[in-house]
Protein backbone atom coordinates (compact mmCIF):
# COMPACT_ATOMS: atom_id res chain seq x y z
CA MET A 1 133.77 191.70 106.23
CA LYS A 2 131.87 189.11 108.43
CA GLU A 3 129.08 187.12 107.21
CA GLY A 4 125.71 188.94 107.72
CA ILE A 5 127.17 192.42 107.77
CA SER A 6 126.76 194.54 104.71
CA ALA A 7 129.05 197.65 104.01
CA ASP A 8 126.55 199.24 101.53
CA HIS A 9 123.78 199.68 103.99
CA MET A 10 125.45 199.09 107.16
CA THR A 11 123.03 196.56 108.34
CA PHE A 12 123.72 193.63 110.75
CA SER A 13 121.96 190.46 110.67
CA PRO A 14 122.65 188.20 113.50
CA PHE A 15 120.84 185.19 111.79
CA VAL A 16 122.84 182.58 110.05
CA GLU A 17 120.84 181.20 107.08
CA GLU A 18 121.48 177.58 106.90
CA ASP A 19 119.17 175.32 105.12
CA SER A 20 118.93 172.02 107.08
CA ASP A 21 116.48 169.42 106.19
CA ALA A 22 116.14 168.35 109.94
CA GLU A 23 115.34 172.03 110.99
CA THR A 24 113.03 172.71 108.15
CA SER A 25 111.04 169.54 108.77
CA GLY A 26 110.94 170.23 112.51
CA CYS A 27 109.62 173.75 111.76
CA ARG A 28 107.04 172.36 109.32
CA LEU A 29 105.95 169.76 111.92
CA TYR A 30 105.68 172.52 114.62
CA ASP A 31 103.63 174.72 112.30
CA PHE A 32 101.31 171.84 111.40
CA VAL A 33 100.76 170.82 115.03
CA VAL A 34 100.30 174.37 116.26
CA CYS A 35 98.46 175.94 113.35
CA THR A 36 96.39 172.99 112.27
CA VAL A 37 95.70 170.82 115.32
CA VAL A 38 95.73 173.20 118.26
CA ILE A 39 94.17 176.24 116.59
CA GLY A 40 91.76 174.03 114.55
CA LEU A 41 90.57 172.29 117.84
CA VAL A 42 90.13 175.52 119.59
CA CYS A 43 88.05 176.88 116.58
CA VAL A 44 85.92 173.72 116.27
CA PHE A 45 85.08 173.51 120.00
CA GLY A 46 84.59 177.26 120.09
CA LEU A 47 82.20 177.10 117.16
CA ALA A 48 80.35 174.35 119.00
CA GLY A 49 80.02 176.25 122.15
CA ASN A 50 78.97 179.39 120.26
CA VAL A 51 76.16 177.62 118.33
CA THR A 52 75.14 175.78 121.55
CA SER A 53 74.82 179.03 123.54
CA PHE A 54 73.15 180.94 120.69
CA PHE A 55 70.32 178.43 120.41
CA VAL A 56 69.94 178.27 124.31
CA LEU A 57 69.82 182.02 124.49
CA CYS A 58 67.19 182.07 121.60
CA LYS A 59 64.95 179.76 123.63
CA HIS A 60 65.35 182.06 126.82
CA LYS A 61 61.94 183.35 127.68
CA THR A 62 62.92 186.92 128.56
CA GLU A 63 63.91 189.45 125.96
CA THR A 64 66.48 191.62 127.82
CA ALA A 65 69.39 193.62 126.41
CA THR A 66 71.76 191.12 128.11
CA ILE A 67 70.41 188.16 126.16
CA PHE A 68 70.54 190.12 123.03
CA LEU A 69 74.27 191.12 123.56
CA LEU A 70 75.20 187.63 124.49
CA GLN A 71 73.65 186.38 121.20
CA CYS A 72 75.52 188.95 119.24
CA MET A 73 78.78 188.11 121.03
CA ALA A 74 78.25 184.41 120.05
CA VAL A 75 77.62 185.31 116.43
CA PHE A 76 80.53 187.55 116.03
CA ASP A 77 82.86 185.24 117.91
CA SER A 78 81.74 182.46 115.51
CA LEU A 79 82.66 184.67 112.59
CA LEU A 80 86.07 185.34 114.13
CA LEU A 81 86.63 181.63 114.62
CA LEU A 82 85.56 180.87 110.93
CA PHE A 83 88.05 183.50 109.65
CA SER A 84 90.71 182.00 111.87
CA ILE A 85 90.18 178.67 110.30
CA PHE A 86 90.75 180.17 106.77
CA ILE A 87 93.67 182.24 107.81
CA TYR A 88 95.45 179.84 110.14
CA VAL A 89 94.29 176.28 109.71
CA LEU A 90 93.71 175.77 106.12
CA PRO A 91 97.12 177.10 104.61
CA TYR A 92 99.03 174.66 106.74
CA ILE A 93 96.95 171.54 105.57
CA TYR A 94 97.69 172.23 101.94
CA PRO A 95 101.53 171.26 102.13
CA TYR A 96 100.66 167.86 103.58
CA THR A 97 97.58 167.02 101.61
CA GLY A 98 97.95 168.93 98.32
CA LYS A 99 94.28 169.20 97.86
CA LEU A 100 93.34 172.58 99.53
CA GLN A 101 94.86 175.86 98.79
CA VAL A 102 93.76 179.19 100.35
CA SER A 103 95.00 182.50 98.98
CA ASN A 104 96.78 184.63 101.45
CA TYR A 105 95.90 187.92 99.60
CA TYR A 106 94.47 189.58 102.59
CA SER A 107 97.23 188.51 105.05
CA PRO A 108 98.89 191.28 107.05
CA GLU A 109 102.15 190.73 105.23
CA SER A 110 100.74 191.18 101.94
CA LEU A 111 98.85 194.38 102.96
CA ARG A 112 102.11 195.77 104.29
CA ALA A 113 104.03 194.90 101.11
CA ASN A 114 101.43 195.82 98.49
CA HIS A 115 99.80 198.91 100.09
CA GLY A 116 102.64 200.37 102.15
CA PHE A 117 101.08 200.66 105.51
CA THR A 118 101.57 198.55 108.67
CA LEU A 119 98.83 196.84 110.84
C-alpha cells in the first residue's frame, strides 16, 4: 500500500512526515516571531492602553454607567491580555532562553485529551 494509507483503519493521511532541519528551524523561527514578538507587542501596548484609559476614566468627574462599563472593559481586557502572555508568549521564549517554562496544563489540547471534551 502507499505511504500514509492504513489498511487497518482505512485512514488516509496526505501529509508526508519528513524531518528536515531547515523546515524545523524555519517553523521555530516563525513561531518565535509570531507568538513572541507580534503577540507580545500587541499585549504590551494593549496593557499600556488599558491602564491609561482606566486611570483617565477614574479621574472623570461624572459617574455614569458608561464610564463604569468602560472601566470594566479595560480591566477585563487587561486580564485577557495577561492570560494571552502566559499562554502564547512565554512558552515560545523557553526554547530560546532555557530560563522560563510555563506549564500548558490548561491548554485546549490538554483539556481535550485529558477530559474527553472539545472546546
